[in-house]
Amino acid sequence: MFEITEMQKIGVGLAGFGVGFLLLGVLLLFDKGLLAIGNILFIAGLACVIGLERTFRFFFQKHKFKGSVAFFGGIVVVLWGWPFTGMIIETYGFVLLFSGFFPAAINFLRRVPVLGTFLNLPIIGGLVDKLAGDSNRTMV
């Protein structure tokens, strides 16, 4: 097991609030202020969890350049006053940046008692398999 520092705990809270503000901003018809606060809190939380240097290295790796440009470009477009267009661009960048994490996250969610049963239903399971990239998944 590994130790979680106080800064990492704060970072998880900041990232959680960031995601909450982003969801609230989308639910309230793409409110520019809530989306901007959510973006700032999410990035600050990520920096607190993994550290400033690793955050910088994560976003500015050569193979993640396209995703980083789309993600930060979407944030800029949201701040300029085009929240719907900015969120589409930002979502595209987020998918490009974090697509390597999706299979691990989906496999974890499949082990959650009620949610796992839902994700393993025939129709939904096929869609989740495509999202996770598992074409020949085996049940345990």
N, C-alpha and C. Protein backbone atom coordinates (compact mmCIF):
# COMPACT_ATOMS: atom_id res chain seq x y z
N MET A 1 0.84 -1.18 0.00
CA MET A 1 0.00 0.00 0.00
C MET A 1 0.88 1.24 0.00
N PHE A 2 0.35 2.35 -0.47
CA PHE A 2 1.13 3.57 -0.53
C PHE A 2 0.43 4.67 0.27
N GLU A 3 1.25 5.60 0.73
CA GLU A 3 0.77 6.72 1.55
C GLU A 3 0.24 7.84 0.67
N ILE A 4 -0.88 8.40 1.04
CA ILE A 4 -1.45 9.55 0.33
C ILE A 4 -1.16 10.79 1.16
N THR A 5 -0.50 11.76 0.56
CA THR A 5 -0.14 12.98 1.29
C THR A 5 -1.35 13.91 1.40
N GLU A 6 -1.19 14.90 2.23
CA GLU A 6 -2.26 15.90 2.40
C GLU A 6 -2.50 16.68 1.11
N MET A 7 -1.42 16.97 0.39
CA MET A 7 -1.56 17.71 -0.87
C MET A 7 -2.35 16.89 -1.89
N GLN A 8 -2.14 15.58 -1.92
CA GLN A 8 -2.88 14.73 -2.84
C GLN A 8 -4.36 14.67 -2.45
N LYS A 9 -4.64 14.66 -1.15
CA LYS A 9 -6.04 14.69 -0.70
C LYS A 9 -6.72 15.98 -1.13
N ILE A 10 -6.01 17.09 -0.99
CA ILE A 10 -6.55 18.38 -1.43
C ILE A 10 -6.76 18.36 -2.93
N GLY A 11 -5.81 17.78 -3.67
CA GLY A 11 -5.92 17.69 -5.12
C GLY A 11 -7.12 16.89 -5.57
N VAL A 12 -7.40 15.78 -4.89
CA VAL A 12 -8.59 14.99 -5.23
C VAL A 12 -9.85 15.81 -5.00
N GLY A 13 -9.87 16.57 -3.91
CA GLY A 13 -11.03 17.43 -3.65
C GLY A 13 -11.18 18.51 -4.70
N LEU A 14 -10.07 19.15 -5.06
CA LEU A 14 -10.13 20.19 -6.10
C LEU A 14 -10.60 19.61 -7.43
N ALA A 15 -10.05 18.47 -7.82
CA ALA A 15 -10.45 17.85 -9.08
C ALA A 15 -11.93 17.45 -9.04
N GLY A 16 -12.37 16.93 -7.89
CA GLY A 16 -13.78 16.57 -7.74
C GLY A 16 -14.70 17.77 -7.86
N PHE A 17 -14.32 18.88 -7.20
CA PHE A 17 -15.11 20.10 -7.32
C PHE A 17 -15.07 20.62 -8.77
N GLY A 18 -13.91 20.47 -9.43
CA GLY A 18 -13.80 20.90 -10.82
C GLY A 18 -14.76 20.15 -11.72
N VAL A 19 -14.80 18.83 -11.55
CA VAL A 19 -15.73 18.01 -12.34
C VAL A 19 -17.17 18.39 -12.00
N GLY A 20 -17.43 18.65 -10.71
CA GLY A 20 -18.78 19.05 -10.31
C GLY A 20 -19.20 20.37 -10.95
N PHE A 21 -18.30 21.36 -10.94
CA PHE A 21 -18.60 22.64 -11.57
C PHE A 21 -18.78 22.48 -13.08
N LEU A 22 -17.98 21.62 -13.70
CA LEU A 22 -18.14 21.39 -15.14
C LEU A 22 -19.51 20.78 -15.43
N LEU A 23 -19.90 19.78 -14.65
CA LEU A 23 -21.22 19.17 -14.86
C LEU A 23 -22.35 20.17 -14.61
N LEU A 24 -22.20 20.97 -13.56
CA LEU A 24 -23.21 21.98 -13.27
C LEU A 24 -23.26 23.04 -14.38
N GLY A 25 -22.11 23.42 -14.91
CA GLY A 25 -22.07 24.38 -16.01
C GLY A 25 -22.74 23.85 -17.27
N VAL A 26 -22.57 22.54 -17.54
CA VAL A 26 -23.23 21.94 -18.69
C VAL A 26 -24.74 21.84 -18.45
N LEU A 27 -25.13 21.44 -17.23
CA LEU A 27 -26.56 21.31 -16.92
C LEU A 27 -27.28 22.66 -16.96
N LEU A 28 -26.58 23.72 -16.62
CA LEU A 28 -27.18 25.06 -16.65
C LEU A 28 -26.93 25.74 -17.99
N LEU A 29 -27.05 24.95 -19.04
CA LEU A 29 -26.99 25.44 -20.42
C LEU A 29 -25.68 26.15 -20.73
N PHE A 30 -24.58 25.50 -20.40
CA PHE A 30 -23.23 25.95 -20.74
C PHE A 30 -22.94 27.34 -20.19
N ASP A 31 -23.09 27.46 -18.87
CA ASP A 31 -22.76 28.71 -18.18
C ASP A 31 -21.25 28.91 -18.22
N LYS A 32 -20.82 30.02 -18.78
CA LYS A 32 -19.40 30.29 -19.01
C LYS A 32 -18.62 30.36 -17.71
N GLY A 33 -19.17 30.98 -16.70
CA GLY A 33 -18.47 31.13 -15.43
C GLY A 33 -18.23 29.81 -14.72
N LEU A 34 -19.26 28.98 -14.66
CA LEU A 34 -19.11 27.67 -14.01
C LEU A 34 -18.13 26.78 -14.77
N LEU A 35 -18.17 26.82 -16.08
CA LEU A 35 -17.24 26.02 -16.87
C LEU A 35 -15.80 26.48 -16.67
N ALA A 36 -15.59 27.78 -16.59
CA ALA A 36 -14.24 28.31 -16.37
C ALA A 36 -13.71 27.90 -15.00
N ILE A 37 -14.55 28.04 -13.96
CA ILE A 37 -14.14 27.64 -12.62
C ILE A 37 -13.86 26.14 -12.57
N GLY A 38 -14.70 25.35 -13.23
CA GLY A 38 -14.50 23.90 -13.26
C GLY A 38 -13.19 23.52 -13.93
N ASN A 39 -12.86 24.18 -15.03
CA ASN A 39 -11.59 23.90 -15.71
C ASN A 39 -10.40 24.24 -14.83
N ILE A 40 -10.45 25.38 -14.19
CA ILE A 40 -9.33 25.81 -13.33
C ILE A 40 -9.17 24.86 -12.15
N LEU A 41 -10.28 24.48 -11.50
CA LEU A 41 -10.20 23.58 -10.36
C LEU A 41 -9.71 22.19 -10.78
N PHE A 42 -10.14 21.71 -11.94
CA PHE A 42 -9.71 20.38 -12.39
C PHE A 42 -8.20 20.37 -12.65
N ILE A 43 -7.68 21.36 -13.32
CA ILE A 43 -6.25 21.41 -13.62
C ILE A 43 -5.44 21.61 -12.33
N ALA A 44 -5.94 22.45 -11.42
CA ALA A 44 -5.25 22.64 -10.14
C ALA A 44 -5.25 21.35 -9.33
N GLY A 45 -6.36 20.63 -9.34
CA GLY A 45 -6.42 19.36 -8.62
C GLY A 45 -5.48 18.33 -9.20
N LEU A 46 -5.41 18.26 -10.51
CA LEU A 46 -4.48 17.34 -11.16
C LEU A 46 -3.04 17.68 -10.79
N ALA A 47 -2.72 18.97 -10.75
CA ALA A 47 -1.37 19.40 -10.38
C ALA A 47 -1.05 19.04 -8.93
N CYS A 48 -2.04 19.13 -8.05
CA CYS A 48 -1.80 18.78 -6.65
C CYS A 48 -1.65 17.27 -6.47
N VAL A 49 -2.37 16.49 -7.22
CA VAL A 49 -2.32 15.04 -7.07
C VAL A 49 -1.00 14.48 -7.59
N ILE A 50 -0.58 14.86 -8.78
CA ILE A 50 0.61 14.25 -9.36
C ILE A 50 1.83 15.17 -9.34
N GLY A 51 1.68 16.41 -8.90
CA GLY A 51 2.81 17.33 -8.83
C GLY A 51 2.89 18.22 -10.06
N LEU A 52 3.50 19.39 -9.88
CA LEU A 52 3.58 20.36 -10.97
C LEU A 52 4.43 19.86 -12.13
N GLU A 53 5.58 19.28 -11.83
CA GLU A 53 6.48 18.84 -12.89
C GLU A 53 5.86 17.71 -13.70
N ARG A 54 5.25 16.74 -13.03
CA ARG A 54 4.63 15.62 -13.74
C ARG A 54 3.40 16.06 -14.52
N THR A 55 2.67 17.06 -14.01
CA THR A 55 1.54 17.60 -14.75
C THR A 55 2.02 18.27 -16.03
N PHE A 56 3.07 19.06 -15.91
CA PHE A 56 3.63 19.72 -17.09
C PHE A 56 4.11 18.69 -18.10
N ARG A 57 4.82 17.66 -17.63
CA ARG A 57 5.30 16.61 -18.54
C ARG A 57 4.14 15.84 -19.17
N PHE A 58 3.05 15.64 -18.41
CA PHE A 58 1.89 14.91 -18.94
C PHE A 58 1.27 15.65 -20.12
N PHE A 59 1.05 16.95 -19.94
CA PHE A 59 0.38 17.72 -20.98
C PHE A 59 1.27 18.02 -22.18
N PHE A 60 2.56 18.07 -21.99
CA PHE A 60 3.44 18.51 -23.07
C PHE A 60 4.36 17.40 -23.58
N GLN A 61 3.88 16.16 -23.54
CA GLN A 61 4.59 15.07 -24.21
C GLN A 61 4.35 15.19 -25.70
N LYS A 62 5.32 14.71 -26.46
CA LYS A 62 5.25 14.88 -27.91
C LYS A 62 4.03 14.18 -28.51
N HIS A 63 3.73 12.97 -28.05
CA HIS A 63 2.61 12.23 -28.63
C HIS A 63 1.25 12.71 -28.12
N LYS A 64 1.23 13.59 -27.10
CA LYS A 64 -0.03 14.14 -26.59
C LYS A 64 -0.22 15.59 -26.99
N PHE A 65 0.57 16.06 -27.93
CA PHE A 65 0.51 17.47 -28.32
C PHE A 65 -0.86 17.85 -28.87
N LYS A 66 -1.42 17.02 -29.74
CA LYS A 66 -2.72 17.32 -30.35
C LYS A 66 -3.82 17.40 -29.28
N GLY A 67 -3.81 16.47 -28.33
CA GLY A 67 -4.80 16.48 -27.26
C GLY A 67 -4.65 17.68 -26.34
N SER A 68 -3.40 18.04 -26.04
CA SER A 68 -3.17 19.20 -25.16
C SER A 68 -3.62 20.49 -25.82
N VAL A 69 -3.32 20.63 -27.11
CA VAL A 69 -3.74 21.84 -27.83
C VAL A 69 -5.26 21.93 -27.86
N ALA A 70 -5.93 20.81 -28.12
CA ALA A 70 -7.39 20.82 -28.15
C ALA A 70 -7.96 21.11 -26.77
N PHE A 71 -7.40 20.51 -25.73
CA PHE A 71 -7.91 20.70 -24.37
C PHE A 71 -7.77 22.16 -23.93
N PHE A 72 -6.55 22.70 -24.04
CA PHE A 72 -6.33 24.08 -23.62
C PHE A 72 -6.97 25.08 -24.58
N GLY A 73 -7.03 24.72 -25.85
CA GLY A 73 -7.74 25.57 -26.81
C GLY A 73 -9.23 25.65 -26.50
N GLY A 74 -9.81 24.53 -26.07
CA GLY A 74 -11.21 24.53 -25.67
C GLY A 74 -11.45 25.41 -24.46
N ILE A 75 -10.52 25.39 -23.52
CA ILE A 75 -10.65 26.26 -22.34
C ILE A 75 -10.62 27.72 -22.77
N VAL A 76 -9.72 28.07 -23.68
CA VAL A 76 -9.62 29.45 -24.16
C VAL A 76 -10.91 29.86 -24.88
N VAL A 77 -11.45 28.96 -25.69
CA VAL A 77 -12.69 29.27 -26.42
C VAL A 77 -13.84 29.46 -25.43
N VAL A 78 -13.89 28.67 -24.35
CA VAL A 78 -14.92 28.86 -23.32
C VAL A 78 -14.77 30.24 -22.69
N LEU A 79 -13.54 30.63 -22.37
CA LEU A 79 -13.31 31.93 -21.74
C LEU A 79 -13.61 33.09 -22.69
N TRP A 80 -13.49 32.88 -23.99
CA TRP A 80 -13.81 33.93 -24.97
C TRP A 80 -15.31 34.13 -25.14
N GLY A 81 -16.11 33.20 -24.63
CA GLY A 81 -17.55 33.40 -24.69
C GLY A 81 -18.30 32.44 -25.60
N TRP A 82 -17.67 31.39 -26.04
CA TRP A 82 -18.33 30.37 -26.86
C TRP A 82 -18.31 29.05 -26.10
N PRO A 83 -19.10 28.93 -25.04
CA PRO A 83 -18.98 27.76 -24.16
C PRO A 83 -19.33 26.43 -24.84
N PHE A 84 -20.32 26.39 -25.69
CA PHE A 84 -20.70 25.12 -26.32
C PHE A 84 -19.60 24.61 -27.24
N THR A 85 -19.11 25.48 -28.10
CA THR A 85 -18.03 25.11 -29.02
C THR A 85 -16.76 24.76 -28.23
N GLY A 86 -16.46 25.54 -27.20
CA GLY A 86 -15.28 25.27 -26.39
C GLY A 86 -15.34 23.94 -25.68
N MET A 87 -16.52 23.57 -25.19
CA MET A 87 -16.65 22.28 -24.50
C MET A 87 -16.53 21.12 -25.47
N ILE A 88 -16.97 21.28 -26.70
CA ILE A 88 -16.79 20.22 -27.70
C ILE A 88 -15.30 20.03 -27.99
N ILE A 89 -14.59 21.12 -28.19
CA ILE A 89 -13.15 21.05 -28.45
C ILE A 89 -12.42 20.48 -27.24
N GLU A 90 -12.81 20.93 -26.06
CA GLU A 90 -12.17 20.47 -24.82
C GLU A 90 -12.43 18.98 -24.58
N THR A 91 -13.64 18.52 -24.87
CA THR A 91 -13.96 17.10 -24.71
C THR A 91 -13.13 16.25 -25.67
N TYR A 92 -12.96 16.72 -26.88
CA TYR A 92 -12.12 16.01 -27.84
C TYR A 92 -10.69 15.90 -27.32
N GLY A 93 -10.16 16.99 -26.80
CA GLY A 93 -8.81 16.98 -26.23
C GLY A 93 -8.71 16.07 -25.02
N PHE A 94 -9.74 16.07 -24.17
CA PHE A 94 -9.75 15.22 -22.99
C PHE A 94 -9.72 13.75 -23.37
N VAL A 95 -10.50 13.39 -24.39
CA VAL A 95 -10.52 12.00 -24.85
C VAL A 95 -9.15 11.61 -25.41
N LEU A 96 -8.53 12.49 -26.17
CA LEU A 96 -7.20 12.19 -26.70
C LEU A 96 -6.16 12.06 -25.58
N LEU A 97 -6.24 12.92 -24.58
CA LEU A 97 -5.26 12.89 -23.50
C LEU A 97 -5.42 11.68 -22.59
N PHE A 98 -6.64 11.35 -22.24
CA PHE A 98 -6.89 10.33 -21.23
C PHE A 98 -7.38 9.01 -21.80
N SER A 99 -7.27 8.80 -23.11
CA SER A 99 -7.78 7.57 -23.70
C SER A 99 -7.03 6.34 -23.21
N GLY A 100 -5.78 6.48 -22.83
CA GLY A 100 -5.03 5.36 -22.30
C GLY A 100 -5.52 4.92 -20.93
N PHE A 101 -6.21 5.80 -20.22
CA PHE A 101 -6.72 5.50 -18.89
C PHE A 101 -8.10 4.85 -18.92
N PHE A 102 -8.84 5.00 -20.02
CA PHE A 102 -10.20 4.47 -20.09
C PHE A 102 -10.32 2.97 -19.83
N PRO A 103 -9.48 2.12 -20.42
CA PRO A 103 -9.62 0.68 -20.16
C PRO A 103 -9.47 0.32 -18.68
N ALA A 104 -8.51 0.93 -18.00
CA ALA A 104 -8.32 0.65 -16.57
C ALA A 104 -9.52 1.14 -15.75
N ALA A 105 -10.03 2.31 -16.09
CA ALA A 105 -11.18 2.86 -15.35
C ALA A 105 -12.42 2.00 -15.57
N ILE A 106 -12.64 1.55 -16.80
CA ILE A 106 -13.83 0.73 -17.08
C ILE A 106 -13.72 -0.63 -16.41
N ASN A 107 -12.53 -1.22 -16.42
CA ASN A 107 -12.36 -2.50 -15.73
C ASN A 107 -12.56 -2.35 -14.23
N PHE A 108 -12.16 -1.22 -13.66
CA PHE A 108 -12.44 -0.97 -12.24
C PHE A 108 -13.94 -0.83 -12.01
N LEU A 109 -14.63 -0.07 -12.87
CA LEU A 109 -16.07 0.14 -12.71
C LEU A 109 -16.86 -1.16 -12.87
N ARG A 110 -16.34 -2.10 -13.65
CA ARG A 110 -17.00 -3.39 -13.81
C ARG A 110 -16.95 -4.22 -12.54
N ARG A 111 -16.05 -3.90 -11.64
CA ARG A 111 -15.94 -4.64 -10.39
C ARG A 111 -16.77 -4.04 -9.27
N VAL A 112 -17.36 -2.87 -9.51
CA VAL A 112 -18.25 -2.25 -8.53
C VAL A 112 -19.57 -3.02 -8.56
N PRO A 113 -20.10 -3.44 -7.39
CA PRO A 113 -21.23 -4.38 -7.37
C PRO A 113 -22.42 -4.03 -8.28
N VAL A 114 -23.12 -2.96 -8.09
CA VAL A 114 -24.33 -2.68 -8.87
C VAL A 114 -23.97 -2.16 -10.26
N LEU A 115 -23.00 -1.27 -10.33
CA LEU A 115 -22.59 -0.70 -11.60
C LEU A 115 -21.99 -1.75 -12.53
N GLY A 116 -21.25 -2.69 -11.97
CA GLY A 116 -20.66 -3.76 -12.77
C GLY A 116 -21.71 -4.62 -13.45
N THR A 117 -22.78 -4.92 -12.73
CA THR A 117 -23.88 -5.70 -13.32
C THR A 117 -24.50 -4.94 -14.48
N PHE A 118 -24.68 -3.64 -14.31
CA PHE A 118 -25.25 -2.80 -15.36
C PHE A 118 -24.33 -2.74 -16.57
N LEU A 119 -23.02 -2.58 -16.33
CA LEU A 119 -22.06 -2.47 -17.44
C LEU A 119 -21.85 -3.78 -18.18
N ASN A 120 -22.24 -4.89 -17.59
CA ASN A 120 -22.07 -6.19 -18.24
C ASN A 120 -23.34 -6.68 -18.94
N LEU A 121 -24.40 -5.88 -18.97
CA LEU A 121 -25.59 -6.24 -19.72
C LEU A 121 -25.23 -6.37 -21.20
N PRO A 122 -25.93 -7.22 -21.96
CA PRO A 122 -25.51 -7.52 -23.34
C PRO A 122 -25.30 -6.29 -24.23
N ILE A 123 -26.26 -5.41 -24.34
CA ILE A 123 -26.12 -4.26 -25.25
C ILE A 123 -25.12 -3.26 -24.70
N ILE A 124 -25.23 -2.94 -23.43
CA ILE A 124 -24.34 -1.96 -22.82
C ILE A 124 -22.92 -2.51 -22.75
N GLY A 125 -22.77 -3.80 -22.49
CA GLY A 125 -21.45 -4.42 -22.43
C GLY A 125 -20.69 -4.29 -23.74
N GLY A 126 -21.39 -4.44 -24.86
CA GLY A 126 -20.74 -4.28 -26.16
C GLY A 126 -20.25 -2.87 -26.38
N LEU A 127 -21.06 -1.88 -25.99
CA LEU A 127 -20.65 -0.48 -26.14
C LEU A 127 -19.47 -0.16 -25.23
N VAL A 128 -19.51 -0.68 -24.00
CA VAL A 128 -18.43 -0.43 -23.06
C VAL A 128 -17.15 -1.12 -23.53
N ASP A 129 -17.27 -2.30 -24.13
CA ASP A 129 -16.09 -2.99 -24.67
C ASP A 129 -15.43 -2.17 -25.77
N LYS A 130 -16.23 -1.55 -26.62
CA LYS A 130 -15.67 -0.70 -27.68
C LYS A 130 -14.98 0.52 -27.09
N LEU A 131 -15.57 1.11 -26.05
CA LEU A 131 -14.98 2.26 -25.39
C LEU A 131 -13.68 1.88 -24.71
N ALA A 132 -13.66 0.72 -24.08
CA ALA A 132 -12.47 0.27 -23.36
C ALA A 132 -11.40 -0.26 -24.31
N GLY A 133 -11.79 -0.64 -25.50
CA GLY A 133 -10.82 -1.18 -26.44
C GLY A 133 -10.59 -2.67 -26.26
N ASP A 134 -11.46 -3.34 -25.50
CA ASP A 134 -11.33 -4.78 -25.28
C ASP A 134 -12.20 -5.50 -26.30
N SER A 135 -11.60 -6.05 -27.33
CA SER A 135 -12.39 -6.76 -28.33
C SER A 135 -12.62 -8.21 -27.94
N ASN A 136 -11.73 -8.79 -27.17
CA ASN A 136 -11.90 -10.19 -26.75
C ASN A 136 -11.78 -10.30 -25.24
N ARG A 137 -12.66 -9.64 -24.54
CA ARG A 137 -12.67 -9.64 -23.09
C ARG A 137 -13.19 -10.96 -22.57
N THR A 138 -12.60 -11.46 -21.50
CA THR A 138 -13.07 -12.69 -20.87
C THR A 138 -13.67 -12.37 -19.53
N MET A 139 -14.75 -13.02 -19.20
CA MET A 139 -15.39 -12.82 -17.90
C MET A 139 -14.69 -13.67 -16.86
N VAL A 140 -14.57 -13.15 -15.66
CA VAL A 140 -13.94 -13.88 -14.56
C VAL A 140 -14.99 -14.25 -13.57
